[in-house]
Every structure is written in structure tokens, then in C-alpha cells.
N, C-alpha and C. Protein backbone atom coordinates (compact mmCIF):
# COMPACT_ATOMS: atom_id res chain seq x y z
N UNK A 1 -41.05 8.35 81.99
CA UNK A 1 -41.00 9.76 82.33
C UNK A 1 -39.57 10.30 82.16
N UNK A 2 -38.60 9.53 82.64
CA UNK A 2 -37.21 9.94 82.52
C UNK A 2 -36.83 10.11 81.06
N UNK A 3 -37.25 9.18 80.24
CA UNK A 3 -36.95 9.23 78.80
C UNK A 3 -37.58 10.46 78.15
N UNK A 4 -38.80 10.78 78.55
CA UNK A 4 -39.49 11.93 77.98
C UNK A 4 -38.78 13.24 78.37
N UNK A 5 -38.31 13.38 79.60
CA UNK A 5 -37.63 14.60 80.00
C UNK A 5 -36.28 14.71 79.29
N UNK A 6 -35.60 13.58 79.06
CA UNK A 6 -34.36 13.61 78.30
C UNK A 6 -34.62 14.06 76.87
N UNK A 7 -35.71 13.60 76.29
CA UNK A 7 -36.05 13.98 74.91
C UNK A 7 -36.35 15.47 74.85
N UNK A 8 -37.11 15.98 75.83
CA UNK A 8 -37.40 17.41 75.85
C UNK A 8 -36.13 18.24 75.98
N UNK A 9 -35.23 17.79 76.86
CA UNK A 9 -33.97 18.49 77.02
C UNK A 9 -33.18 18.50 75.71
N UNK A 10 -33.12 17.36 75.04
CA UNK A 10 -32.38 17.26 73.78
C UNK A 10 -32.96 18.20 72.72
N UNK A 11 -34.27 18.26 72.63
CA UNK A 11 -34.92 19.14 71.65
C UNK A 11 -34.66 20.60 72.01
N UNK A 12 -34.79 20.95 73.29
CA UNK A 12 -34.55 22.33 73.72
C UNK A 12 -33.10 22.72 73.46
N UNK A 13 -32.17 21.80 73.75
CA UNK A 13 -30.76 22.08 73.51
C UNK A 13 -30.49 22.29 72.03
N UNK A 14 -31.06 21.44 71.19
CA UNK A 14 -30.85 21.55 69.74
C UNK A 14 -31.40 22.88 69.21
N UNK A 15 -32.56 23.27 69.69
CA UNK A 15 -33.14 24.55 69.24
C UNK A 15 -32.29 25.72 69.71
N UNK A 16 -31.82 25.67 70.94
CA UNK A 16 -30.98 26.74 71.47
C UNK A 16 -29.68 26.84 70.69
N UNK A 17 -29.05 25.69 70.45
CA UNK A 17 -27.79 25.69 69.70
C UNK A 17 -27.99 26.21 68.30
N UNK A 18 -29.09 25.81 67.65
CA UNK A 18 -29.37 26.29 66.30
C UNK A 18 -29.59 27.80 66.30
N UNK A 19 -30.32 28.29 67.29
CA UNK A 19 -30.56 29.74 67.38
C UNK A 19 -29.26 30.48 67.59
N UNK A 20 -28.37 29.93 68.46
CA UNK A 20 -27.09 30.59 68.72
C UNK A 20 -26.26 30.66 67.46
N UNK A 21 -26.16 29.57 66.70
CA UNK A 21 -25.36 29.58 65.47
C UNK A 21 -25.97 30.52 64.44
N UNK A 22 -27.29 30.60 64.40
CA UNK A 22 -27.95 31.51 63.46
C UNK A 22 -27.63 32.95 63.80
N UNK A 23 -27.70 33.30 65.08
CA UNK A 23 -27.36 34.66 65.52
C UNK A 23 -25.90 34.93 65.23
N UNK A 24 -25.05 33.94 65.52
CA UNK A 24 -23.62 34.09 65.29
C UNK A 24 -23.35 34.39 63.82
N UNK A 25 -24.01 33.71 62.92
CA UNK A 25 -23.78 33.89 61.49
C UNK A 25 -24.39 35.19 60.98
N UNK A 26 -25.35 35.75 61.69
CA UNK A 26 -26.04 36.95 61.22
C UNK A 26 -25.18 38.20 61.32
N UNK A 27 -24.17 38.19 62.19
CA UNK A 27 -23.32 39.35 62.34
C UNK A 27 -22.30 39.39 61.20
N UNK A 28 -22.26 40.50 60.51
CA UNK A 28 -21.35 40.64 59.37
C UNK A 28 -19.97 41.05 59.84
N UNK A 29 -18.98 40.30 59.42
CA UNK A 29 -17.60 40.65 59.74
C UNK A 29 -17.11 41.69 58.74
N UNK A 30 -16.13 42.50 59.13
CA UNK A 30 -15.60 43.49 58.20
C UNK A 30 -14.92 42.82 57.01
N UNK A 31 -14.77 43.59 55.95
CA UNK A 31 -14.11 43.06 54.76
C UNK A 31 -13.04 44.04 54.31
N UNK A 32 -12.28 43.64 53.30
CA UNK A 32 -11.25 44.51 52.73
C UNK A 32 -10.07 44.72 53.66
N UNK A 33 -9.48 45.93 53.62
CA UNK A 33 -8.30 46.21 54.43
C UNK A 33 -8.53 46.02 55.93
N UNK A 34 -9.71 46.36 56.42
CA UNK A 34 -10.00 46.19 57.85
C UNK A 34 -9.91 44.71 58.24
N UNK A 35 -10.44 43.83 57.42
CA UNK A 35 -10.37 42.39 57.70
C UNK A 35 -8.93 41.91 57.71
N UNK A 36 -8.12 42.41 56.79
CA UNK A 36 -6.71 42.02 56.75
C UNK A 36 -5.97 42.50 58.00
N UNK A 37 -6.26 43.72 58.44
CA UNK A 37 -5.62 44.25 59.64
C UNK A 37 -6.04 43.45 60.88
N UNK A 38 -7.31 43.13 60.97
CA UNK A 38 -7.81 42.35 62.11
C UNK A 38 -7.18 40.96 62.11
N UNK A 39 -7.10 40.34 60.94
CA UNK A 39 -6.43 39.03 60.85
C UNK A 39 -4.98 39.13 61.31
N UNK A 40 -4.30 40.21 60.93
CA UNK A 40 -2.91 40.41 61.36
C UNK A 40 -2.82 40.54 62.88
N UNK A 41 -3.77 41.25 63.49
CA UNK A 41 -3.77 41.40 64.94
C UNK A 41 -3.99 40.05 65.63
N UNK A 42 -4.95 39.29 65.15
CA UNK A 42 -5.23 37.99 65.76
C UNK A 42 -4.06 37.03 65.54
N UNK A 43 -3.45 37.07 64.35
CA UNK A 43 -2.27 36.24 64.10
C UNK A 43 -1.13 36.61 65.04
N UNK A 44 -0.97 37.90 65.31
CA UNK A 44 0.06 38.35 66.24
C UNK A 44 -0.19 37.77 67.63
N UNK A 45 -1.43 37.84 68.09
CA UNK A 45 -1.78 37.27 69.39
C UNK A 45 -1.46 35.78 69.42
N UNK A 46 -1.84 35.09 68.37
CA UNK A 46 -1.59 33.65 68.29
C UNK A 46 -0.09 33.32 68.34
N UNK A 47 0.73 34.20 67.81
CA UNK A 47 2.16 33.98 67.77
C UNK A 47 2.90 34.29 69.06
N UNK A 48 2.24 34.89 70.03
CA UNK A 48 2.89 35.23 71.30
C UNK A 48 2.85 34.02 72.24
N UNK A 49 3.53 32.97 71.85
CA UNK A 49 3.43 31.70 72.58
C UNK A 49 4.00 31.76 73.99
N UNK A 50 4.90 32.69 74.28
CA UNK A 50 5.45 32.78 75.63
C UNK A 50 4.63 33.70 76.54
N UNK A 51 3.58 34.30 76.00
CA UNK A 51 2.73 35.20 76.78
C UNK A 51 1.47 34.47 77.24
N UNK A 52 0.86 35.01 78.28
CA UNK A 52 -0.44 34.55 78.75
C UNK A 52 -1.39 35.73 78.62
N UNK A 53 -2.67 35.44 78.49
CA UNK A 53 -3.67 36.48 78.33
C UNK A 53 -4.69 36.35 79.45
N UNK A 54 -4.92 37.46 80.14
CA UNK A 54 -5.85 37.46 81.25
C UNK A 54 -7.02 38.35 80.88
N UNK A 55 -8.20 37.80 81.07
CA UNK A 55 -9.41 38.56 80.80
C UNK A 55 -10.57 37.95 81.55
N UNK A 56 -11.36 38.77 82.15
CA UNK A 56 -12.47 38.22 82.91
C UNK A 56 -11.95 37.38 84.05
N UNK A 57 -12.36 36.12 84.08
CA UNK A 57 -11.99 35.23 85.18
C UNK A 57 -10.88 34.26 84.83
N UNK A 58 -10.40 34.27 83.57
CA UNK A 58 -9.48 33.25 83.13
C UNK A 58 -8.16 33.82 82.64
N UNK A 59 -7.16 32.96 82.66
CA UNK A 59 -5.86 33.25 82.07
C UNK A 59 -5.60 32.13 81.06
N UNK A 60 -5.32 32.50 79.81
CA UNK A 60 -5.17 31.50 78.75
C UNK A 60 -3.91 31.75 77.94
N UNK A 61 -3.53 30.75 77.16
CA UNK A 61 -2.40 30.87 76.26
C UNK A 61 -2.78 31.60 74.99
N UNK A 62 -1.80 31.79 74.13
CA UNK A 62 -2.00 32.59 72.93
C UNK A 62 -2.99 31.97 71.95
N UNK A 63 -2.96 30.65 71.77
CA UNK A 63 -3.88 30.00 70.83
C UNK A 63 -5.33 30.18 71.26
N UNK A 64 -5.59 29.99 72.56
CA UNK A 64 -6.96 30.17 73.05
C UNK A 64 -7.39 31.63 73.01
N UNK A 65 -6.46 32.54 73.26
CA UNK A 65 -6.78 33.97 73.17
C UNK A 65 -7.16 34.34 71.74
N UNK A 66 -6.43 33.81 70.75
CA UNK A 66 -6.75 34.09 69.35
C UNK A 66 -8.12 33.51 68.99
N UNK A 67 -8.41 32.28 69.45
CA UNK A 67 -9.72 31.68 69.21
C UNK A 67 -10.83 32.54 69.81
N UNK A 68 -10.60 33.02 71.01
CA UNK A 68 -11.58 33.87 71.68
C UNK A 68 -11.82 35.15 70.88
N UNK A 69 -10.75 35.77 70.38
CA UNK A 69 -10.91 37.00 69.60
C UNK A 69 -11.70 36.76 68.32
N UNK A 70 -11.47 35.62 67.68
CA UNK A 70 -12.26 35.28 66.47
C UNK A 70 -13.73 35.10 66.83
N UNK A 71 -13.97 34.46 67.97
CA UNK A 71 -15.36 34.28 68.42
C UNK A 71 -16.01 35.64 68.72
N UNK A 72 -15.30 36.51 69.41
CA UNK A 72 -15.82 37.84 69.70
C UNK A 72 -16.11 38.62 68.42
N UNK A 73 -15.23 38.50 67.44
CA UNK A 73 -15.44 39.19 66.16
C UNK A 73 -16.70 38.66 65.49
N UNK A 74 -16.89 37.35 65.51
CA UNK A 74 -18.09 36.77 64.91
C UNK A 74 -19.35 37.24 65.65
N UNK A 75 -19.26 37.34 66.96
CA UNK A 75 -20.43 37.74 67.76
C UNK A 75 -20.74 39.23 67.65
N UNK A 76 -19.72 40.06 67.45
CA UNK A 76 -19.91 41.52 67.46
C UNK A 76 -19.57 42.14 66.11
N UNK A 77 -19.60 41.35 65.06
CA UNK A 77 -19.19 41.82 63.74
C UNK A 77 -19.94 43.04 63.26
N UNK A 78 -21.21 43.19 63.66
CA UNK A 78 -21.98 44.35 63.20
C UNK A 78 -21.49 45.65 63.84
N UNK A 79 -20.72 45.57 64.91
CA UNK A 79 -20.17 46.77 65.56
C UNK A 79 -18.80 47.13 65.00
N UNK A 80 -18.23 46.24 64.20
CA UNK A 80 -16.83 46.35 63.78
C UNK A 80 -16.73 46.64 62.29
N UNK A 81 -16.18 47.81 61.96
CA UNK A 81 -15.91 48.11 60.55
C UNK A 81 -14.46 48.52 60.34
N UNK A 82 -13.67 48.53 61.43
CA UNK A 82 -12.25 48.88 61.33
C UNK A 82 -11.49 48.12 62.40
N UNK A 83 -10.17 48.11 62.28
CA UNK A 83 -9.33 47.44 63.28
C UNK A 83 -9.45 48.13 64.64
N UNK A 84 -9.58 49.44 64.65
CA UNK A 84 -9.74 50.16 65.92
C UNK A 84 -11.04 49.75 66.61
N UNK A 85 -12.11 49.60 65.84
CA UNK A 85 -13.37 49.17 66.43
C UNK A 85 -13.28 47.73 66.94
N UNK A 86 -12.54 46.89 66.22
CA UNK A 86 -12.31 45.52 66.69
C UNK A 86 -11.64 45.55 68.07
N UNK A 87 -10.61 46.37 68.20
CA UNK A 87 -9.92 46.46 69.48
C UNK A 87 -10.88 46.99 70.55
N UNK A 88 -11.63 48.00 70.21
CA UNK A 88 -12.55 48.61 71.17
C UNK A 88 -13.63 47.64 71.63
N UNK A 89 -14.28 46.94 70.68
CA UNK A 89 -15.44 46.11 71.01
C UNK A 89 -15.09 44.67 71.38
N UNK A 90 -13.95 44.18 70.92
CA UNK A 90 -13.64 42.76 71.12
C UNK A 90 -12.43 42.49 72.01
N UNK A 91 -11.54 43.45 72.16
CA UNK A 91 -10.26 43.14 72.81
C UNK A 91 -9.87 44.11 73.92
N UNK A 92 -10.80 44.88 74.43
CA UNK A 92 -10.45 45.86 75.45
C UNK A 92 -10.77 45.41 76.86
N UNK A 93 -12.00 44.95 77.08
CA UNK A 93 -12.38 44.56 78.43
C UNK A 93 -13.39 43.43 78.40
N UNK A 94 -13.44 42.71 79.49
CA UNK A 94 -14.35 41.58 79.63
C UNK A 94 -15.79 42.06 79.75
N UNK A 95 -16.65 41.51 78.93
CA UNK A 95 -18.08 41.82 79.06
C UNK A 95 -18.61 41.25 80.37
N UNK A 96 -17.99 40.18 80.80
CA UNK A 96 -18.42 39.46 82.00
C UNK A 96 -18.10 40.22 83.28
N UNK A 97 -16.85 40.67 83.43
CA UNK A 97 -16.43 41.31 84.68
C UNK A 97 -16.18 42.81 84.56
N UNK A 98 -16.01 43.30 83.33
CA UNK A 98 -15.70 44.71 83.13
C UNK A 98 -14.23 45.04 83.28
N UNK A 99 -13.41 44.05 83.65
CA UNK A 99 -11.97 44.29 83.81
C UNK A 99 -11.28 44.32 82.46
N UNK A 100 -10.24 45.15 82.33
CA UNK A 100 -9.49 45.20 81.06
C UNK A 100 -8.75 43.89 80.82
N UNK A 101 -8.65 43.51 79.54
CA UNK A 101 -7.83 42.37 79.16
C UNK A 101 -6.36 42.76 79.29
N UNK A 102 -5.54 41.81 79.72
CA UNK A 102 -4.12 42.06 79.87
C UNK A 102 -3.31 40.98 79.17
N UNK A 103 -2.13 41.38 78.69
CA UNK A 103 -1.15 40.46 78.13
C UNK A 103 -0.05 40.34 79.18
N UNK A 104 0.18 39.11 79.64
CA UNK A 104 1.20 38.86 80.65
C UNK A 104 2.44 38.33 79.95
N UNK A 105 3.48 39.15 79.92
CA UNK A 105 4.72 38.79 79.24
C UNK A 105 5.67 38.10 80.22
N UNK A 106 6.63 37.33 79.69
CA UNK A 106 7.62 36.72 80.58
C UNK A 106 8.32 37.80 81.41
N UNK A 107 8.62 37.46 82.63
CA UNK A 107 9.26 38.44 83.52
C UNK A 107 8.26 39.19 84.37
N UNK A 108 6.98 38.84 84.25
CA UNK A 108 5.97 39.46 85.08
C UNK A 108 5.43 40.79 84.59
N UNK A 109 5.75 41.18 83.37
CA UNK A 109 5.25 42.44 82.82
C UNK A 109 3.82 42.23 82.31
N UNK A 110 2.91 43.09 82.73
CA UNK A 110 1.52 43.02 82.28
C UNK A 110 1.18 44.29 81.50
N UNK A 111 0.68 44.11 80.29
CA UNK A 111 0.28 45.24 79.44
C UNK A 111 -1.21 45.17 79.17
N UNK A 112 -1.88 46.32 79.10
CA UNK A 112 -3.27 46.29 78.64
C UNK A 112 -3.31 45.76 77.20
N UNK A 113 -4.19 44.81 76.94
CA UNK A 113 -4.27 44.20 75.60
C UNK A 113 -4.58 45.24 74.53
N UNK A 114 -5.46 46.19 74.83
CA UNK A 114 -5.82 47.20 73.84
C UNK A 114 -4.61 48.03 73.45
N UNK A 115 -3.80 48.40 74.43
CA UNK A 115 -2.60 49.19 74.17
C UNK A 115 -1.63 48.41 73.27
N UNK A 116 -1.42 47.14 73.60
CA UNK A 116 -0.52 46.30 72.82
C UNK A 116 -1.03 46.14 71.38
N UNK A 117 -2.33 45.91 71.23
CA UNK A 117 -2.90 45.71 69.89
C UNK A 117 -2.85 47.00 69.06
N UNK A 118 -3.05 48.15 69.69
CA UNK A 118 -2.94 49.41 68.95
C UNK A 118 -1.51 49.62 68.46
N UNK A 119 -0.54 49.24 69.28
CA UNK A 119 0.87 49.33 68.87
C UNK A 119 1.14 48.38 67.70
N UNK A 120 0.64 47.17 67.76
CA UNK A 120 0.81 46.21 66.67
C UNK A 120 0.13 46.74 65.40
N UNK A 121 -1.05 47.34 65.55
CA UNK A 121 -1.75 47.91 64.40
C UNK A 121 -0.92 49.01 63.74
N UNK A 122 -0.29 49.86 64.53
CA UNK A 122 0.58 50.90 63.96
C UNK A 122 1.73 50.27 63.17
N UNK A 123 2.31 49.18 63.70
CA UNK A 123 3.38 48.49 62.99
C UNK A 123 2.88 47.86 61.69
N UNK A 124 1.71 47.26 61.72
CA UNK A 124 1.12 46.65 60.52
C UNK A 124 0.92 47.72 59.44
N UNK A 125 0.38 48.85 59.86
CA UNK A 125 0.11 49.93 58.90
C UNK A 125 1.41 50.55 58.38
N UNK A 126 2.42 50.62 59.20
CA UNK A 126 3.71 51.18 58.76
C UNK A 126 4.38 50.30 57.70
N UNK A 127 4.11 49.00 57.73
CA UNK A 127 4.70 48.07 56.76
C UNK A 127 3.96 48.05 55.43
N UNK A 128 2.75 48.62 55.42
CA UNK A 128 1.95 48.64 54.19
C UNK A 128 2.58 49.55 53.16
N UNK A 129 2.53 49.14 51.90
CA UNK A 129 3.10 50.01 50.83
C UNK A 129 2.25 51.24 50.60
């Protein structure tokens, strides 16, 4: 009996995981200039190694924050066709708690993540030829 319930669990888990990856892949990510801008934003987050990122219930480092943003983009890609929409749908507030994401800089300064990313987006666009 124990073996049979383990087998059922394994099959259910495999089906759930397969369904999740299928849904994940079904969302189309933006392409062209929007994709380049979004990549620049995520790369910027990844490069802020002295900062911490707070969102929902957790506080994470820059590498994990960048991974999370890529995951959010994959999950919500159908809502995103521009860098502004990426910020709005993926980097503004926690779906879990509703609280805004924050960037915690050294010295105790906390900035709303959306505000920081919009500023970085302006800089990215200003550097474009």
C-alpha cells in the first residue's frame, strides 16, 4: 500500500510539473528592442551586488532577484510587450502580499524597485544611438 501511494504521488507530481512547464513555455516573451531593454534592466539588477531586494516575504541578493525577474517574465510574458509593461507586471509589487518591491541600498536607503527600474530604463534609452 505504501509503495502504491508513493507511485501515485510520483505520477501526480510528474503530471503537475509537466503542466507547469507547458504553461510556462506558452507565454510569449517580448522580442526586438523591448527584449533588449528588459535584458538590460535584469542585468542591472544582477549587477547590484551590494544591494538587497525585498519583495513579498523575502529579502534576497541581486542574483536571486534577477532570476526571479526572469521567472516572472516567463510566467507573464503575454502581458509584456514593452519594458514599461515588464516593470508594471513583473517588478512592481508582490502578487503574494501586494506589497511593493524595494531595493535596499547600503546605508539603509530603500527605493521602490519600479522607480529604480524606470530610472535605469531612461538611462538605457538615453545611451541608444
